[in-house]
Amino acid sequence: MGVTVLIVDDSAVMRKILERSLRQTQVAIDTVLEAADGVEALDRLQSANGVNVIFTDVNMPNMDGLEFLRQVRQSTKYGKVPVVMVTTEGAEAKVNEAMGLGAAGYIKKPFTPVQMQEALQKIVS
């Protein structure tokens, strides 16, 4: 059975690039859900039949990736879902904050398909 992934980024182009990179990995992906910000992503999580992993940007309107991660971790329903940050935000303070909130990984854009595969395999294996 394949994996369900939620991609959260305010750029539709970046969501497609992420999806393409993830589908090139050795991991069987059944479903890719998308959201443009943390608010929309929380809605997707509520209505989804289970998400195995979330890839989210940090800098987004309405609700940024760190606040989204905070909200996910407080949820009893999906608080254990691994969340990987994929962002241009490379400040050490942001990386430390994300990891402190329980991020499963932190990938800096631009990323390589190998980085995506390593992150995904670490989570689903």
C-alpha atoms as a PDB file:
ATOM      1  CA  MET A   1       0.000   0.000   0.000  1.00  0.00           C
ATOM      2  CA  GLY A   2       1.279   3.422  -0.937  1.00  0.00           C
ATOM      3  CA  VAL A   3       1.927   6.562   1.048  1.00  0.00           C
ATOM      4  CA  THR A   4      -0.292   9.651   1.332  1.00  0.00           C
ATOM      5  CA  VAL A   5       1.660  12.918   1.315  1.00  0.00           C
ATOM      6  CA  LEU A   6       0.496  16.447   2.123  1.00  0.00           C
ATOM      7  CA  ILE A   7       2.509  19.248   0.477  1.00  0.00           C
ATOM      8  CA  VAL A   8       2.066  22.721   1.975  1.00  0.00           C
ATOM      9  CA  ASP A   9       3.543  25.692   0.102  1.00  0.00           C
ATOM     10  CA  ASP A  10       2.124  29.036  -1.014  1.00  0.00           C
ATOM     11  CA  SER A  11       3.686  28.538  -4.461  1.00  0.00           C
ATOM     12  CA  ALA A  12       1.696  26.235  -6.765  1.00  0.00           C
ATOM     13  CA  VAL A  13       4.835  25.772  -8.882  1.00  0.00           C
ATOM     14  CA  MET A  14       6.843  24.646  -5.843  1.00  0.00           C
ATOM     15  CA  ARG A  15       4.076  22.217  -4.843  1.00  0.00           C
ATOM     16  CA  LYS A  16       4.333  20.622  -8.316  1.00  0.00           C
ATOM     17  CA  ILE A  17       8.150  20.487  -8.127  1.00  0.00           C
ATOM     18  CA  LEU A  18       7.931  18.821  -4.712  1.00  0.00           C
ATOM     19  CA  GLU A  19       5.357  16.321  -5.947  1.00  0.00           C
ATOM     20  CA  ARG A  20       7.478  15.459  -8.993  1.00  0.00           C
ATOM     21  CA  SER A  21      10.567  14.985  -6.806  1.00  0.00           C
ATOM     22  CA  LEU A  22       8.676  12.767  -4.358  1.00  0.00           C
ATOM     23  CA  ARG A  23       7.183  10.644  -7.132  1.00  0.00           C
ATOM     24  CA  GLN A  24      10.720  10.038  -8.495  1.00  0.00           C
ATOM     25  CA  THR A  25      11.749   8.372  -5.238  1.00  0.00           C
ATOM     26  CA  GLN A  26      11.723   4.636  -4.594  1.00  0.00           C
ATOM     27  CA  VAL A  27       8.715   5.092  -2.272  1.00  0.00           C
ATOM     28  CA  ALA A  28       5.268   4.168  -3.629  1.00  0.00           C
ATOM     29  CA  ILE A  29       3.078   7.252  -3.299  1.00  0.00           C
ATOM     30  CA  ASP A  30      -0.685   6.754  -3.671  1.00  0.00           C
ATOM     31  CA  THR A  31      -2.009  10.214  -2.981  1.00  0.00           C
ATOM     32  CA  VAL A  32      -0.585  13.731  -2.915  1.00  0.00           C
ATOM     33  CA  LEU A  33      -2.705  16.366  -1.201  1.00  0.00           C
ATOM     34  CA  GLU A  34      -1.869  20.061  -1.539  1.00  0.00           C
ATOM     35  CA  ALA A  35      -2.443  23.191   0.524  1.00  0.00           C
ATOM     36  CA  ALA A  36      -1.344  26.807   0.002  1.00  0.00           C
ATOM     37  CA  ASP A  37      -0.863  27.644   3.704  1.00  0.00           C
ATOM     38  CA  GLY A  38      -1.155  26.235   7.204  1.00  0.00           C
ATOM     39  CA  VAL A  39      -4.865  27.038   7.545  1.00  0.00           C
ATOM     40  CA  GLU A  40      -5.731  25.149   4.357  1.00  0.00           C
ATOM     41  CA  ALA A  41      -3.380  22.326   5.384  1.00  0.00           C
ATOM     42  CA  LEU A  42      -5.199  21.857   8.710  1.00  0.00           C
ATOM     43  CA  ASP A  43      -8.465  21.582   6.743  1.00  0.00           C
ATOM     44  CA  ARG A  44      -6.895  18.961   4.435  1.00  0.00           C
ATOM     45  CA  LEU A  45      -5.712  16.963   7.450  1.00  0.00           C
ATOM     46  CA  GLN A  46      -9.198  17.041   9.000  1.00  0.00           C
ATOM     47  CA  SER A  47     -10.842  15.715   5.832  1.00  0.00           C
ATOM     48  CA  ALA A  48      -8.133  13.239   4.760  1.00  0.00           C
ATOM     49  CA  ASN A  49      -8.311   9.526   5.476  1.00  0.00           C
ATOM     50  CA  GLY A  50      -4.864   9.553   6.991  1.00  0.00           C
ATOM     51  CA  VAL A  51      -1.682  11.288   5.915  1.00  0.00           C
ATOM     52  CA  ASN A  52       1.671   9.510   6.281  1.00  0.00           C
ATOM     53  CA  VAL A  53       3.991  12.499   5.896  1.00  0.00           C
ATOM     54  CA  ILE A  54       3.784  16.284   5.500  1.00  0.00           C
ATOM     55  CA  PHE A  55       6.255  18.487   3.612  1.00  0.00           C
ATOM     56  CA  THR A  56       5.770  22.167   4.440  1.00  0.00           C
ATOM     57  CA  ASP A  57       7.318  25.523   3.674  1.00  0.00           C
ATOM     58  CA  VAL A  58       8.079  27.898   6.558  1.00  0.00           C
ATOM     59  CA  ASN A  59       7.258  31.297   5.023  1.00  0.00           C
ATOM     60  CA  MET A  60       3.579  31.358   3.999  1.00  0.00           C
ATOM     61  CA  PRO A  61       0.659  33.777   4.433  1.00  0.00           C
ATOM     62  CA  ASN A  62      -2.222  33.212   6.900  1.00  0.00           C
ATOM     63  CA  MET A  63      -0.372  30.558   8.929  1.00  0.00           C
ATOM     64  CA  ASP A  64       3.341  29.916   8.498  1.00  0.00           C
ATOM     65  CA  GLY A  65       4.958  26.502   8.604  1.00  0.00           C
ATOM     66  CA  LEU A  66       6.173  26.782  12.191  1.00  0.00           C
ATOM     67  CA  GLU A  67       2.713  27.673  13.523  1.00  0.00           C
ATOM     68  CA  PHE A  68       1.254  24.884  11.357  1.00  0.00           C
ATOM     69  CA  LEU A  69       3.769  22.437  12.877  1.00  0.00           C
ATOM     70  CA  ARG A  70       2.820  23.666  16.361  1.00  0.00           C
ATOM     71  CA  GLN A  71      -0.884  23.047  15.615  1.00  0.00           C
ATOM     72  CA  VAL A  72      -0.203  19.594  14.150  1.00  0.00           C
ATOM     73  CA  ARG A  73       1.796  18.541  17.223  1.00  0.00           C
ATOM     74  CA  GLN A  74      -1.085  19.602  19.522  1.00  0.00           C
ATOM     75  CA  SER A  75      -3.584  17.408  17.665  1.00  0.00           C
ATOM     76  CA  THR A  76      -4.593  14.038  19.073  1.00  0.00           C
ATOM     77  CA  LYS A  77      -5.696  12.887  15.591  1.00  0.00           C
ATOM     78  CA  TYR A  78      -2.575  13.660  13.529  1.00  0.00           C
ATOM     79  CA  GLY A  79      -0.016  14.882  16.064  1.00  0.00           C
ATOM     80  CA  LYS A  80       2.340  11.993  15.308  1.00  0.00           C
ATOM     81  CA  VAL A  81       2.483  12.549  11.517  1.00  0.00           C
ATOM     82  CA  PRO A  82       6.084  13.301  10.480  1.00  0.00           C
ATOM     83  CA  VAL A  83       6.528  16.870   9.225  1.00  0.00           C
ATOM     84  CA  VAL A  84       9.517  17.825   7.054  1.00  0.00           C
ATOM     85  CA  MET A  85      10.259  21.508   6.563  1.00  0.00           C
ATOM     86  CA  VAL A  86      11.237  22.398   2.965  1.00  0.00           C
ATOM     87  CA  THR A  87      12.156  26.065   2.820  1.00  0.00           C
ATOM     88  CA  THR A  88      14.520  28.829   1.766  1.00  0.00           C
ATOM     89  CA  GLU A  89      14.612  29.838   5.438  1.00  0.00           C
ATOM     90  CA  GLY A  90      18.074  28.765   6.552  1.00  0.00           C
ATOM     91  CA  ALA A  91      18.496  30.834   9.712  1.00  0.00           C
ATOM     92  CA  GLU A  92      19.804  28.616  12.494  1.00  0.00           C
ATOM     93  CA  ALA A  93      17.157  29.946  14.888  1.00  0.00           C
ATOM     94  CA  LYS A  94      14.364  28.812  12.525  1.00  0.00           C
ATOM     95  CA  VAL A  95      15.961  25.399  12.031  1.00  0.00           C
ATOM     96  CA  ASN A  96      16.330  24.968  15.799  1.00  0.00           C
ATOM     97  CA  GLU A  97      12.750  26.129  16.399  1.00  0.00           C
ATOM     98  CA  ALA A  98      11.375  23.660  13.832  1.00  0.00           C
ATOM     99  CA  MET A  99      13.385  20.766  15.212  1.00  0.00           C
ATOM    100  CA  GLY A 100      12.401  21.749  18.760  1.00  0.00           C
ATOM    101  CA  LEU A 101       8.748  21.617  17.720  1.00  0.00           C
ATOM    102  CA  GLY A 102       9.240  18.071  16.473  1.00  0.00           C
ATOM    103  CA  ALA A 103      10.011  18.429  12.762  1.00  0.00           C
ATOM    104  CA  ALA A 104      11.184  15.150  11.237  1.00  0.00           C
ATOM    105  CA  GLY A 105      13.625  16.975   8.967  1.00  0.00           C
ATOM    106  CA  TYR A 106      14.672  20.312   7.512  1.00  0.00           C
ATOM    107  CA  ILE A 107      15.521  20.591   3.824  1.00  0.00           C
ATOM    108  CA  LYS A 108      16.751  23.875   2.393  1.00  0.00           C
ATOM    109  CA  LYS A 109      15.588  24.984  -1.070  1.00  0.00           C
ATOM    110  CA  PRO A 110      16.813  24.448  -3.678  1.00  0.00           C
ATOM    111  CA  PHE A 111      16.762  20.754  -2.875  1.00  0.00           C
ATOM    112  CA  THR A 112      17.847  17.723  -4.871  1.00  0.00           C
ATOM    113  CA  PRO A 113      15.737  14.644  -5.634  1.00  0.00           C
ATOM    114  CA  VAL A 114      18.240  12.661  -3.557  1.00  0.00           C
ATOM    115  CA  GLN A 115      17.509  14.824  -0.497  1.00  0.00           C
ATOM    116  CA  MET A 116      13.771  14.225  -0.943  1.00  0.00           C
ATOM    117  CA  GLN A 117      14.271  10.492  -1.333  1.00  0.00           C
ATOM    118  CA  GLU A 118      16.463  10.288   1.779  1.00  0.00           C
ATOM    119  CA  ALA A 119      13.940  12.260   3.841  1.00  0.00           C
ATOM    120  CA  LEU A 120      10.982  10.189   2.648  1.00  0.00           C
ATOM    121  CA  GLN A 121      12.734   6.826   3.049  1.00  0.00           C
ATOM    122  CA  LYS A 122      13.868   7.707   6.567  1.00  0.00           C
ATOM    123  CA  ILE A 123      10.242   8.358   7.515  1.00  0.00           C
ATOM    124  CA  VAL A 124       8.434   5.483   5.791  1.00  0.00           C
ATOM    125  CA  SER A 125      10.980   2.703   6.295  1.00  0.00           C
END
